[in-house]
Amino acid sequence: MGERGSFWDWKTAAQYERFPKDLTRVDLWIDSTDFCLSGKLSTPRSDLMWSYKCNSPGCRYTFLADARGQIRKVWGGYSLKTYDGMFLQQQATWLEEQLAGARVIADPL
């Protein structure tokens, strides 16, 4: 399965980690973060490049990681106006096909 690893790679990584009980069945984590753009010091807050997290212009990236924190996939940089729930909807087919059988946790807000 390449860089993403396989279902068994994710299971193995998860079984040896100690997590709170409600996370013991999770295999993969998805989360996004904003990165500040270097070289661009300002832009109007209404601009598509404005990041309230960075308080400056930026770009958003989403990461897929296993239980050990190994990054398995990176998406980005894309518009900061694409919220996590929208991103998950846009990637639904890929996620369903490539992560079949995995238990994934995400913050869709």
PDB file of N, CA and C in Angstrom:
ATOM      1  N   MET A   1       0.809  -1.184   0.000  1.00  0.00           N
ATOM      2  CA  MET A   1       0.000   0.000   0.000  1.00  0.00           C
ATOM      3  C   MET A   1       0.863   1.262   0.000  1.00  0.00           C
ATOM      4  N   GLY A   2       2.145   1.120  -0.041  1.00  0.00           N
ATOM      5  CA  GLY A   2       3.028   2.274  -0.179  1.00  0.00           C
ATOM      6  C   GLY A   2       3.190   3.089   1.083  1.00  0.00           C
ATOM      7  N   GLU A   3       3.349   4.385   0.915  1.00  0.00           N
ATOM      8  CA  GLU A   3       3.620   5.292   2.026  1.00  0.00           C
ATOM      9  C   GLU A   3       2.555   5.262   3.109  1.00  0.00           C
ATOM     10  N   ARG A   4       1.312   5.040   2.718  1.00  0.00           N
ATOM     11  CA  ARG A   4       0.231   5.040   3.695  1.00  0.00           C
ATOM     12  C   ARG A   4       0.323   3.848   4.627  1.00  0.00           C
ATOM     13  N   GLY A   5       1.061   2.835   4.237  1.00  0.00           N
ATOM     14  CA  GLY A   5       1.111   1.615   5.016  1.00  0.00           C
ATOM     15  C   GLY A   5      -0.123   0.779   4.731  1.00  0.00           C
ATOM     16  N   SER A   6      -0.238  -0.305   5.439  1.00  0.00           N
ATOM     17  CA  SER A   6      -1.375  -1.202   5.244  1.00  0.00           C
ATOM     18  C   SER A   6      -2.236  -1.215   6.499  1.00  0.00           C
ATOM     19  N   PHE A   7      -3.374  -1.841   6.374  1.00  0.00           N
ATOM     20  CA  PHE A   7      -4.281  -2.013   7.497  1.00  0.00           C
ATOM     21  C   PHE A   7      -3.534  -2.623   8.682  1.00  0.00           C
ATOM     22  N   TRP A   8      -2.686  -3.607   8.424  1.00  0.00           N
ATOM     23  CA  TRP A   8      -1.967  -4.286   9.507  1.00  0.00           C
ATOM     24  C   TRP A   8      -0.864  -3.401  10.092  1.00  0.00           C
ATOM     25  N   ASP A   9      -0.259  -2.540   9.296  1.00  0.00           N
ATOM     26  CA  ASP A   9       0.709  -1.574   9.828  1.00  0.00           C
ATOM     27  C   ASP A   9       0.038  -0.658  10.846  1.00  0.00           C
ATOM     28  N   TRP A  10      -1.162  -0.169  10.511  1.00  0.00           N
ATOM     29  CA  TRP A  10      -1.877   0.744  11.401  1.00  0.00           C
ATOM     30  C   TRP A  10      -2.298   0.030  12.679  1.00  0.00           C
ATOM     31  N   LYS A  11      -2.781  -1.206  12.534  1.00  0.00           N
ATOM     32  CA  LYS A  11      -3.202  -1.991  13.701  1.00  0.00           C
ATOM     33  C   LYS A  11      -2.021  -2.264  14.628  1.00  0.00           C
ATOM     34  N   THR A  12      -0.887  -2.659  14.065  1.00  0.00           N
ATOM     35  CA  THR A  12       0.303  -2.958  14.855  1.00  0.00           C
ATOM     36  C   THR A  12       0.786  -1.722  15.600  1.00  0.00           C
ATOM     37  N   ALA A  13       0.814  -0.585  14.916  1.00  0.00           N
ATOM     38  CA  ALA A  13       1.244   0.662  15.560  1.00  0.00           C
ATOM     39  C   ALA A  13       0.324   1.000  16.731  1.00  0.00           C
ATOM     40  N   ALA A  14      -0.958   0.780  16.559  1.00  0.00           N
ATOM     41  CA  ALA A  14      -1.933   1.146  17.594  1.00  0.00           C
ATOM     42  C   ALA A  14      -1.907   0.196  18.784  1.00  0.00           C
ATOM     43  N   GLN A  15      -1.649  -1.070  18.561  1.00  0.00           N
ATOM     44  CA  GLN A  15      -1.768  -2.030  19.661  1.00  0.00           C
ATOM     45  C   GLN A  15      -0.685  -1.879  20.726  1.00  0.00           C
ATOM     46  N   TYR A  16       0.447  -1.276  20.397  1.00  0.00           N
ATOM     47  CA  TYR A  16       1.527  -1.143  21.367  1.00  0.00           C
ATOM     48  C   TYR A  16       1.568   0.217  22.053  1.00  0.00           C
ATOM     49  N   GLU A  17       0.648   1.105  21.687  1.00  0.00           N
ATOM     50  CA  GLU A  17       0.608   2.427  22.313  1.00  0.00           C
ATOM     51  C   GLU A  17      -0.417   2.433  23.432  1.00  0.00           C
ATOM     52  N   ARG A  18      -0.165   3.287  24.408  1.00  0.00           N
ATOM     53  CA  ARG A  18      -1.101   3.412  25.530  1.00  0.00           C
ATOM     54  C   ARG A  18      -1.883   4.708  25.372  1.00  0.00           C
ATOM     55  N   PHE A  19      -3.188   4.548  25.186  1.00  0.00           N
ATOM     56  CA  PHE A  19      -4.081   5.678  25.024  1.00  0.00           C
ATOM     57  C   PHE A  19      -5.211   5.558  26.035  1.00  0.00           C
ATOM     58  N   PRO A  20      -5.925   6.651  26.284  1.00  0.00           N
ATOM     59  CA  PRO A  20      -7.129   6.532  27.111  1.00  0.00           C
ATOM     60  C   PRO A  20      -8.069   5.503  26.500  1.00  0.00           C
ATOM     61  N   LYS A  21      -8.874   4.887  27.344  1.00  0.00           N
ATOM     62  CA  LYS A  21      -9.729   3.785  26.912  1.00  0.00           C
ATOM     63  C   LYS A  21     -10.578   4.109  25.681  1.00  0.00           C
ATOM     64  N   ASP A  22     -11.098   5.331  25.593  1.00  0.00           N
ATOM     65  CA  ASP A  22     -11.957   5.664  24.460  1.00  0.00           C
ATOM     66  C   ASP A  22     -11.202   5.796  23.142  1.00  0.00           C
ATOM     67  N   LEU A  23      -9.867   5.767  23.171  1.00  0.00           N
ATOM     68  CA  LEU A  23      -9.076   5.845  21.935  1.00  0.00           C
ATOM     69  C   LEU A  23      -8.375   4.532  21.588  1.00  0.00           C
ATOM     70  N   THR A  24      -8.563   3.504  22.373  1.00  0.00           N
ATOM     71  CA  THR A  24      -7.831   2.255  22.148  1.00  0.00           C
ATOM     72  C   THR A  24      -8.187   1.562  20.838  1.00  0.00           C
ATOM     73  N   ARG A  25      -9.329   1.880  20.261  1.00  0.00           N
ATOM     74  CA  ARG A  25      -9.732   1.220  19.021  1.00  0.00           C
ATOM     75  C   ARG A  25      -9.439   2.055  17.788  1.00  0.00           C
ATOM     76  N   VAL A  26      -8.806   3.218  17.954  1.00  0.00           N
ATOM     77  CA  VAL A  26      -8.509   4.104  16.834  1.00  0.00           C
ATOM     78  C   VAL A  26      -7.201   3.667  16.164  1.00  0.00           C
ATOM     79  N   ASP A  27      -7.201   3.649  14.830  1.00  0.00           N
ATOM     80  CA  ASP A  27      -6.017   3.256  14.067  1.00  0.00           C
ATOM     81  C   ASP A  27      -5.287   4.454  13.461  1.00  0.00           C
ATOM     82  N   LEU A  28      -6.053   5.451  13.009  1.00  0.00           N
ATOM     83  CA  LEU A  28      -5.473   6.597  12.303  1.00  0.00           C
ATOM     84  C   LEU A  28      -6.122   7.900  12.777  1.00  0.00           C
ATOM     85  N   TRP A  29      -5.349   8.970  12.705  1.00  0.00           N
ATOM     86  CA  TRP A  29      -5.808  10.299  13.097  1.00  0.00           C
ATOM     87  C   TRP A  29      -5.680  11.233  11.904  1.00  0.00           C
ATOM     88  N   ILE A  30      -6.672  12.097  11.705  1.00  0.00           N
ATOM     89  CA  ILE A  30      -6.623  13.127  10.667  1.00  0.00           C
ATOM     90  C   ILE A  30      -6.804  14.472  11.349  1.00  0.00           C
ATOM     91  N   ASP A  31      -5.920  15.407  11.035  1.00  0.00           N
ATOM     92  CA  ASP A  31      -6.049  16.758  11.566  1.00  0.00           C
ATOM     93  C   ASP A  31      -5.412  17.738  10.602  1.00  0.00           C
ATOM     94  N   SER A  32      -5.838  18.985  10.695  1.00  0.00           N
ATOM     95  CA  SER A  32      -5.286  20.019   9.822  1.00  0.00           C
ATOM     96  C   SER A  32      -4.582  21.082  10.652  1.00  0.00           C
ATOM     97  N   THR A  33      -3.721  21.808   9.990  1.00  0.00           N
ATOM     98  CA  THR A  33      -3.044  22.938  10.620  1.00  0.00           C
ATOM     99  C   THR A  33      -2.724  23.974   9.552  1.00  0.00           C
ATOM    100  N   ASP A  34      -2.563  25.201  10.010  1.00  0.00           N
ATOM    101  CA  ASP A  34      -2.200  26.293   9.104  1.00  0.00           C
ATOM    102  C   ASP A  34      -0.724  26.599   9.262  1.00  0.00           C
ATOM    103  N   PHE A  35      -0.069  26.922   8.149  1.00  0.00           N
ATOM    104  CA  PHE A  35       1.318  27.349   8.162  1.00  0.00           C
ATOM    105  C   PHE A  35       1.389  28.755   7.586  1.00  0.00           C
ATOM    106  N   CYS A  36       2.153  29.598   8.238  1.00  0.00           N
ATOM    107  CA  CYS A  36       2.335  30.970   7.765  1.00  0.00           C
ATOM    108  C   CYS A  36       3.138  30.967   6.466  1.00  0.00           C
ATOM    109  N   LEU A  37       2.778  31.868   5.582  1.00  0.00           N
ATOM    110  CA  LEU A  37       3.526  32.024   4.341  1.00  0.00           C
ATOM    111  C   LEU A  37       4.714  32.933   4.597  1.00  0.00           C
ATOM    112  N   SER A  38       5.897  32.490   4.243  1.00  0.00           N
ATOM    113  CA  SER A  38       7.065  33.344   4.411  1.00  0.00           C
ATOM    114  C   SER A  38       7.169  34.291   3.231  1.00  0.00           C
ATOM    115  N   GLY A  39       7.660  35.474   3.494  1.00  0.00           N
ATOM    116  CA  GLY A  39       7.849  36.454   2.442  1.00  0.00           C
ATOM    117  C   GLY A  39       6.637  37.325   2.201  1.00  0.00           C
ATOM    118  N   LYS A  40       5.470  36.888   2.657  1.00  0.00           N
ATOM    119  CA  LYS A  40       4.252  37.692   2.496  1.00  0.00           C
ATOM    120  C   LYS A  40       3.843  38.154   3.887  1.00  0.00           C
ATOM    121  N   LEU A  41       4.065  39.419   4.167  1.00  0.00           N
ATOM    122  CA  LEU A  41       3.884  39.929   5.515  1.00  0.00           C
ATOM    123  C   LEU A  41       2.465  40.351   5.842  1.00  0.00           C
ATOM    124  N   SER A  42       1.725  40.764   4.840  1.00  0.00           N
ATOM    125  CA  SER A  42       0.373  41.216   5.158  1.00  0.00           C
ATOM    126  C   SER A  42      -0.567  40.986   3.994  1.00  0.00           C
ATOM    127  N   THR A  43      -1.833  40.923   4.334  1.00  0.00           N
ATOM    128  CA  THR A  43      -2.917  40.808   3.380  1.00  0.00           C
ATOM    129  C   THR A  43      -4.180  41.176   4.144  1.00  0.00           C
ATOM    130  N   PRO A  44      -5.209  41.646   3.484  1.00  0.00           N
ATOM    131  CA  PRO A  44      -6.445  41.953   4.209  1.00  0.00           C
ATOM    132  C   PRO A  44      -7.021  40.697   4.859  1.00  0.00           C
ATOM    133  N   ARG A  45      -7.645  40.858   6.005  1.00  0.00           N
ATOM    134  CA  ARG A  45      -8.244  39.710   6.704  1.00  0.00           C
ATOM    135  C   ARG A  45      -9.343  39.042   5.888  1.00  0.00           C
ATOM    136  N   SER A  46      -9.908  39.736   4.954  1.00  0.00           N
ATOM    137  CA  SER A  46     -10.953  39.160   4.099  1.00  0.00           C
ATOM    138  C   SER A  46     -10.369  38.305   2.969  1.00  0.00           C
ATOM    139  N   ASP A  47      -9.062  38.364   2.770  1.00  0.00           N
ATOM    140  CA  ASP A  47      -8.389  37.618   1.708  1.00  0.00           C
ATOM    141  C   ASP A  47      -8.469  36.116   1.982  1.00  0.00           C
ATOM    142  N   LEU A  48      -8.553  35.310   0.919  1.00  0.00           N
ATOM    143  CA  LEU A  48      -8.603  33.851   1.053  1.00  0.00           C
ATOM    144  C   LEU A  48      -7.347  33.279   1.694  1.00  0.00           C
ATOM    145  N   MET A  49      -6.263  34.025   1.700  1.00  0.00           N
ATOM    146  CA  MET A  49      -4.991  33.554   2.261  1.00  0.00           C
ATOM    147  C   MET A  49      -4.842  33.905   3.741  1.00  0.00           C
ATOM    148  N   TRP A  50      -5.796  34.641   4.336  1.00  0.00           N
ATOM    149  CA  TRP A  50      -5.654  35.071   5.726  1.00  0.00           C
ATOM    150  C   TRP A  50      -5.940  33.912   6.672  1.00  0.00           C
ATOM    151  N   SER A  51      -5.011  33.656   7.609  1.00  0.00           N
ATOM    152  CA  SER A  51      -5.166  32.611   8.623  1.00  0.00           C
ATOM    153  C   SER A  51      -5.362  33.258   9.989  1.00  0.00           C
ATOM    154  N   TYR A  52      -6.491  32.974  10.590  1.00  0.00           N
ATOM    155  CA  TYR A  52      -6.725  33.476  11.942  1.00  0.00           C
ATOM    156  C   TYR A  52      -5.872  32.711  12.955  1.00  0.00           C
ATOM    157  N   LYS A  53      -5.514  31.478  12.644  1.00  0.00           N
ATOM    158  CA  LYS A  53      -4.624  30.719  13.526  1.00  0.00           C
ATOM    159  C   LYS A  53      -3.226  31.323  13.558  1.00  0.00           C
ATOM    160  N   CYS A  54      -2.732  31.741  12.393  1.00  0.00           N
ATOM    161  CA  CYS A  54      -1.388  32.326  12.286  1.00  0.00           C
ATOM    162  C   CYS A  54      -1.395  33.835  12.520  1.00  0.00           C
ATOM    163  N   ASN A  55      -2.567  34.441  12.376  1.00  0.00           N
ATOM    164  CA  ASN A  55      -2.698  35.892  12.412  1.00  0.00           C
ATOM    165  C   ASN A  55      -1.840  36.533  11.318  1.00  0.00           C
ATOM    166  N   SER A  56      -1.803  35.893  10.180  1.00  0.00           N
ATOM    167  CA  SER A  56      -1.041  36.356   9.017  1.00  0.00           C
ATOM    168  C   SER A  56      -1.494  35.532   7.808  1.00  0.00           C
ATOM    169  N   PRO A  57      -0.988  35.825   6.613  1.00  0.00           N
ATOM    170  CA  PRO A  57      -1.305  34.982   5.451  1.00  0.00           C
ATOM    171  C   PRO A  57      -0.774  33.561   5.668  1.00  0.00           C
ATOM    172  N   GLY A  58      -1.503  32.589   5.155  1.00  0.00           N
ATOM    173  CA  GLY A  58      -1.063  31.215   5.352  1.00  0.00           C
ATOM    174  C   GLY A  58      -1.681  30.250   4.367  1.00  0.00           C
ATOM    175  N   CYS A  59      -1.423  28.969   4.614  1.00  0.00           N
ATOM    176  CA  CYS A  59      -1.912  27.858   3.814  1.00  0.00           C
ATOM    177  C   CYS A  59      -2.292  26.731   4.769  1.00  0.00           C
ATOM    178  N   ARG A  60      -3.306  25.952   4.432  1.00  0.00           N
ATOM    179  CA  ARG A  60      -3.743  24.847   5.289  1.00  0.00           C
ATOM    180  C   ARG A  60      -3.257  23.517   4.724  1.00  0.00           C
ATOM    181  N   TYR A  61      -2.851  22.642   5.637  1.00  0.00           N
ATOM    182  CA  TYR A  61      -2.432  21.273   5.307  1.00  0.00           C
ATOM    183  C   TYR A  61      -3.185  20.314   6.216  1.00  0.00           C
ATOM    184  N   THR A  62      -3.503  19.136   5.703  1.00  0.00           N
ATOM    185  CA  THR A  62      -4.140  18.089   6.500  1.00  0.00           C
ATOM    186  C   THR A  62      -3.206  16.890   6.529  1.00  0.00           C
ATOM    187  N   PHE A  63      -3.106  16.275   7.706  1.00  0.00           N
ATOM    188  CA  PHE A  63      -2.193  15.156   7.934  1.00  0.00           C
ATOM    189  C   PHE A  63      -2.958  13.923   8.381  1.00  0.00           C
ATOM    190  N   LEU A  64      -2.527  12.773   7.885  1.00  0.00           N
ATOM    191  CA  LEU A  64      -3.025  11.479   8.315  1.00  0.00           C
ATOM    192  C   LEU A  64      -1.868  10.811   9.042  1.00  0.00           C
ATOM    193  N   ALA A  65      -2.074  10.441  10.307  1.00  0.00           N
ATOM    194  CA  ALA A  65      -0.992   9.841  11.108  1.00  0.00           C
ATOM    195  C   ALA A  65      -1.475   8.556  11.768  1.00  0.00           C
ATOM    196  N   ASP A  66      -0.524   7.659  12.028  1.00  0.00           N
ATOM    197  CA  ASP A  66      -0.858   6.432  12.752  1.00  0.00           C
ATOM    198  C   ASP A  66      -0.686   6.668  14.253  1.00  0.00           C
ATOM    199  N   ALA A  67      -0.882   5.627  15.041  1.00  0.00           N
ATOM    200  CA  ALA A  67      -0.852   5.755  16.504  1.00  0.00           C
ATOM    201  C   ALA A  67       0.515   6.155  17.047  1.00  0.00           C
ATOM    202  N   ARG A  68       1.562   5.883  16.315  1.00  0.00           N
ATOM    203  CA  ARG A  68       2.910   6.279  16.739  1.00  0.00           C
ATOM    204  C   ARG A  68       3.253   7.703  16.321  1.00  0.00           C
ATOM    205  N   GLY A  69       2.347   8.339  15.586  1.00  0.00           N
ATOM    206  CA  GLY A  69       2.588   9.702  15.121  1.00  0.00           C
ATOM    207  C   GLY A  69       3.284   9.763  13.776  1.00  0.00           C
ATOM    208  N   GLN A  70       3.479   8.613  13.135  1.00  0.00           N
ATOM    209  CA  GLN A  70       4.099   8.604  11.805  1.00  0.00           C
ATOM    210  C   GLN A  70       3.103   9.156  10.795  1.00  0.00           C
ATOM    211  N   ILE A  71       3.531  10.191  10.085  1.00  0.00           N
ATOM    212  CA  ILE A  71       2.683  10.795   9.064  1.00  0.00           C
ATOM    213  C   ILE A  71       2.584   9.837   7.887  1.00  0.00           C
ATOM    214  N   ARG A  72       1.365   9.493   7.537  1.00  0.00           N
ATOM    215  CA  ARG A  72       1.116   8.546   6.443  1.00  0.00           C
ATOM    216  C   ARG A  72       0.700   9.231   5.145  1.00  0.00           C
ATOM    217  N   LYS A  73       0.144  10.448   5.254  1.00  0.00           N
ATOM    218  CA  LYS A  73      -0.255  11.206   4.065  1.00  0.00           C
ATOM    219  C   LYS A  73      -0.395  12.670   4.453  1.00  0.00           C
ATOM    220  N   VAL A  74      -0.071  13.548   3.495  1.00  0.00           N
ATOM    221  CA  VAL A  74      -0.222  14.993   3.674  1.00  0.00           C
ATOM    222  C   VAL A  74      -0.982  15.536   2.471  1.00  0.00           C
ATOM    223  N   TRP A  75      -1.998  16.341   2.737  1.00  0.00           N
ATOM    224  CA  TRP A  75      -2.723  17.063   1.689  1.00  0.00           C
ATOM    225  C   TRP A  75      -2.461  18.550   1.890  1.00  0.00           C
ATOM    226  N   GLY A  76      -2.264  19.281   0.818  1.00  0.00           N
ATOM    227  CA  GLY A  76      -2.123  20.738   0.957  1.00  0.00           C
ATOM    228  C   GLY A  76      -1.044  21.261   0.069  1.00  0.00           C
ATOM    229  N   GLY A  77      -0.784  22.524   0.160  1.00  0.00           N
ATOM    230  CA  GLY A  77      -1.524  23.545   0.842  1.00  0.00           C
ATOM    231  C   GLY A  77      -2.733  23.949   0.018  1.00  0.00           C
ATOM    232  N   TYR A  78      -3.781  24.177   0.738  1.00  0.00           N
ATOM    233  CA  TYR A  78      -5.022  24.578   0.107  1.00  0.00           C
ATOM    234  C   TYR A  78      -5.624  25.753   0.859  1.00  0.00           C
ATOM    235  N   SER A  79      -6.722  26.253   0.353  1.00  0.00           N
ATOM    236  CA  SER A  79      -7.341  27.459   0.886  1.00  0.00           C
ATOM    237  C   SER A  79      -7.722  27.316   2.353  1.00  0.00           C
ATOM    238  N   LEU A  80      -7.453  28.357   3.087  1.00  0.00           N
ATOM    239  CA  LEU A  80      -7.820  28.391   4.505  1.00  0.00           C
ATOM    240  C   LEU A  80      -9.326  28.455   4.703  1.00  0.00           C
ATOM    241  N   LYS A  81     -10.049  28.755   3.670  1.00  0.00           N
ATOM    242  CA  LYS A  81     -11.506  28.828   3.749  1.00  0.00           C
ATOM    243  C   LYS A  81     -12.141  27.450   3.558  1.00  0.00           C
ATOM    244  N   THR A  82     -11.333  26.428   3.297  1.00  0.00           N
ATOM    245  CA  THR A  82     -11.814  25.055   3.219  1.00  0.00           C
ATOM    246  C   THR A  82     -11.749  24.474   4.629  1.00  0.00           C
ATOM    247  N   TYR A  83     -12.903  24.384   5.266  1.00  0.00           N
ATOM    248  CA  TYR A  83     -12.953  23.891   6.640  1.00  0.00           C
ATOM    249  C   TYR A  83     -12.784  22.375   6.666  1.00  0.00           C
ATOM    250  N   ASP A  84     -12.428  21.833   7.836  1.00  0.00           N
ATOM    251  CA  ASP A  84     -12.134  20.407   7.956  1.00  0.00           C
ATOM    252  C   ASP A  84     -13.278  19.526   7.469  1.00  0.00           C
ATOM    253  N   GLY A  85     -14.502  19.856   7.836  1.00  0.00           N
ATOM    254  CA  GLY A  85     -15.646  19.061   7.398  1.00  0.00           C
ATOM    255  C   GLY A  85     -15.800  19.065   5.885  1.00  0.00           C
ATOM    256  N   MET A  86     -15.576  20.229   5.278  1.00  0.00           N
ATOM    257  CA  MET A  86     -15.641  20.338   3.815  1.00  0.00           C
ATOM    258  C   MET A  86     -14.539  19.502   3.184  1.00  0.00           C
ATOM    259  N   PHE A  87     -13.338  19.556   3.757  1.00  0.00           N
ATOM    260  CA  PHE A  87     -12.215  18.787   3.228  1.00  0.00           C
ATOM    261  C   PHE A  87     -12.528  17.293   3.278  1.00  0.00           C
ATOM    262  N   LEU A  88     -13.061  16.823   4.402  1.00  0.00           N
ATOM    263  CA  LEU A  88     -13.389  15.400   4.540  1.00  0.00           C
ATOM    264  C   LEU A  88     -14.443  14.981   3.525  1.00  0.00           C
ATOM    265  N   GLN A  89     -15.416  15.836   3.261  1.00  0.00           N
ATOM    266  CA  GLN A  89     -16.425  15.528   2.246  1.00  0.00           C
ATOM    267  C   GLN A  89     -15.789  15.433   0.863  1.00  0.00           C
ATOM    268  N   GLN A  90     -14.878  16.363   0.562  1.00  0.00           N
ATOM    269  CA  GLN A  90     -14.220  16.362  -0.745  1.00  0.00           C
ATOM    270  C   GLN A  90     -13.352  15.122  -0.941  1.00  0.00           C
ATOM    271  N   GLN A  91     -12.792  14.598   0.131  1.00  0.00           N
ATOM    272  CA  GLN A  91     -11.891  13.444   0.062  1.00  0.00           C
ATOM    273  C   GLN A  91     -12.585  12.125   0.402  1.00  0.00           C
ATOM    274  N   ALA A  92     -13.897  12.130   0.554  1.00  0.00           N
ATOM    275  CA  ALA A  92     -14.637  10.959   1.034  1.00  0.00           C
ATOM    276  C   ALA A  92     -14.351   9.695   0.232  1.00  0.00           C
ATOM    277  N   THR A  93     -14.366   9.768  -1.082  1.00  0.00           N
ATOM    278  CA  THR A  93     -14.130   8.579  -1.909  1.00  0.00           C
ATOM    279  C   THR A  93     -12.739   8.018  -1.658  1.00  0.00           C
ATOM    280  N   TRP A  94     -11.717   8.889  -1.670  1.00  0.00           N
ATOM    281  CA  TRP A  94     -10.341   8.430  -1.425  1.00  0.00           C
ATOM    282  C   TRP A  94     -10.240   7.804  -0.045  1.00  0.00           C
ATOM    283  N   LEU A  95     -10.787   8.464   0.963  1.00  0.00           N
ATOM    284  CA  LEU A  95     -10.702   7.957   2.337  1.00  0.00           C
ATOM    285  C   LEU A  95     -11.368   6.587   2.454  1.00  0.00           C
ATOM    286  N   GLU A  96     -12.538   6.429   1.875  1.00  0.00           N
ATOM    287  CA  GLU A  96     -13.252   5.158   1.943  1.00  0.00           C
ATOM    288  C   GLU A  96     -12.496   4.044   1.225  1.00  0.00           C
ATOM    289  N   GLU A  97     -11.913   4.361   0.080  1.00  0.00           N
ATOM    290  CA  GLU A  97     -11.200   3.332  -0.697  1.00  0.00           C
ATOM    291  C   GLU A  97      -9.843   2.995  -0.099  1.00  0.00           C
ATOM    292  N   GLN A  98      -9.062   3.986   0.255  1.00  0.00           N
ATOM    293  CA  GLN A  98      -7.685   3.775   0.698  1.00  0.00           C
ATOM    294  C   GLN A  98      -7.557   3.394   2.174  1.00  0.00           C
ATOM    295  N   LEU A  99      -8.558   3.711   2.974  1.00  0.00           N
ATOM    296  CA  LEU A  99      -8.477   3.425   4.407  1.00  0.00           C
ATOM    297  C   LEU A  99      -9.533   2.410   4.835  1.00  0.00           C
ATOM    298  N   ALA A 100      -9.958   1.578   3.903  1.00  0.00           N
ATOM    299  CA  ALA A 100     -10.993   0.588   4.192  1.00  0.00           C
ATOM    300  C   ALA A 100     -10.604  -0.270   5.391  1.00  0.00           C
ATOM    301  N   GLY A 101     -11.517  -0.397   6.336  1.00  0.00           N
ATOM    302  CA  GLY A 101     -11.294  -1.221   7.515  1.00  0.00           C
ATOM    303  C   GLY A 101     -10.663  -0.492   8.685  1.00  0.00           C
ATOM    304  N   ALA A 102     -10.055   0.643   8.438  1.00  0.00           N
ATOM    305  CA  ALA A 102      -9.402   1.396   9.514  1.00  0.00           C
ATOM    306  C   ALA A 102     -10.434   2.173  10.310  1.00  0.00           C
ATOM    307  N   ARG A 103     -10.120   2.369  11.567  1.00  0.00           N
ATOM    308  CA  ARG A 103     -10.935   3.230  12.423  1.00  0.00           C
ATOM    309  C   ARG A 103     -10.199   4.551  12.542  1.00  0.00           C
ATOM    310  N   VAL A 104     -10.816   5.584  11.980  1.00  0.00           N
ATOM    311  CA  VAL A 104     -10.168   6.884  11.848  1.00  0.00           C
ATOM    312  C   VAL A 104     -10.891   7.899  12.723  1.00  0.00           C
ATOM    313  N   ILE A 105     -10.113   8.753  13.376  1.00  0.00           N
ATOM    314  CA  ILE A 105     -10.696   9.826  14.173  1.00  0.00           C
ATOM    315  C   ILE A 105     -10.278  11.151  13.562  1.00  0.00           C
ATOM    316  N   ALA A 106     -11.230  12.083  13.511  1.00  0.00           N
ATOM    317  CA  ALA A 106     -10.977  13.395  12.932  1.00  0.00           C
ATOM    318  C   ALA A 106     -11.818  14.426  13.662  1.00  0.00           C
ATOM    319  N   ASP A 107     -11.402  15.667  13.554  1.00  0.00           N
ATOM    320  CA  ASP A 107     -12.153  16.784  14.086  1.00  0.00           C
ATOM    321  C   ASP A 107     -12.786  17.481  12.897  1.00  0.00           C
ATOM    322  N   PRO A 108     -14.047  17.201  12.593  1.00  0.00           N
ATOM    323  CA  PRO A 108     -14.644  17.724  11.364  1.00  0.00           C
ATOM    324  C   PRO A 108     -15.121  19.172  11.450  1.00  0.00           C
ATOM    325  N   LEU A 109     -14.855  19.853  12.535  1.00  0.00           N
ATOM    326  CA  LEU A 109     -15.339  21.240  12.656  1.00  0.00           C
ATOM    327  C   LEU A 109     -14.325  22.228  12.172  1.00  0.00           C
TER     328      LEU A 109
END
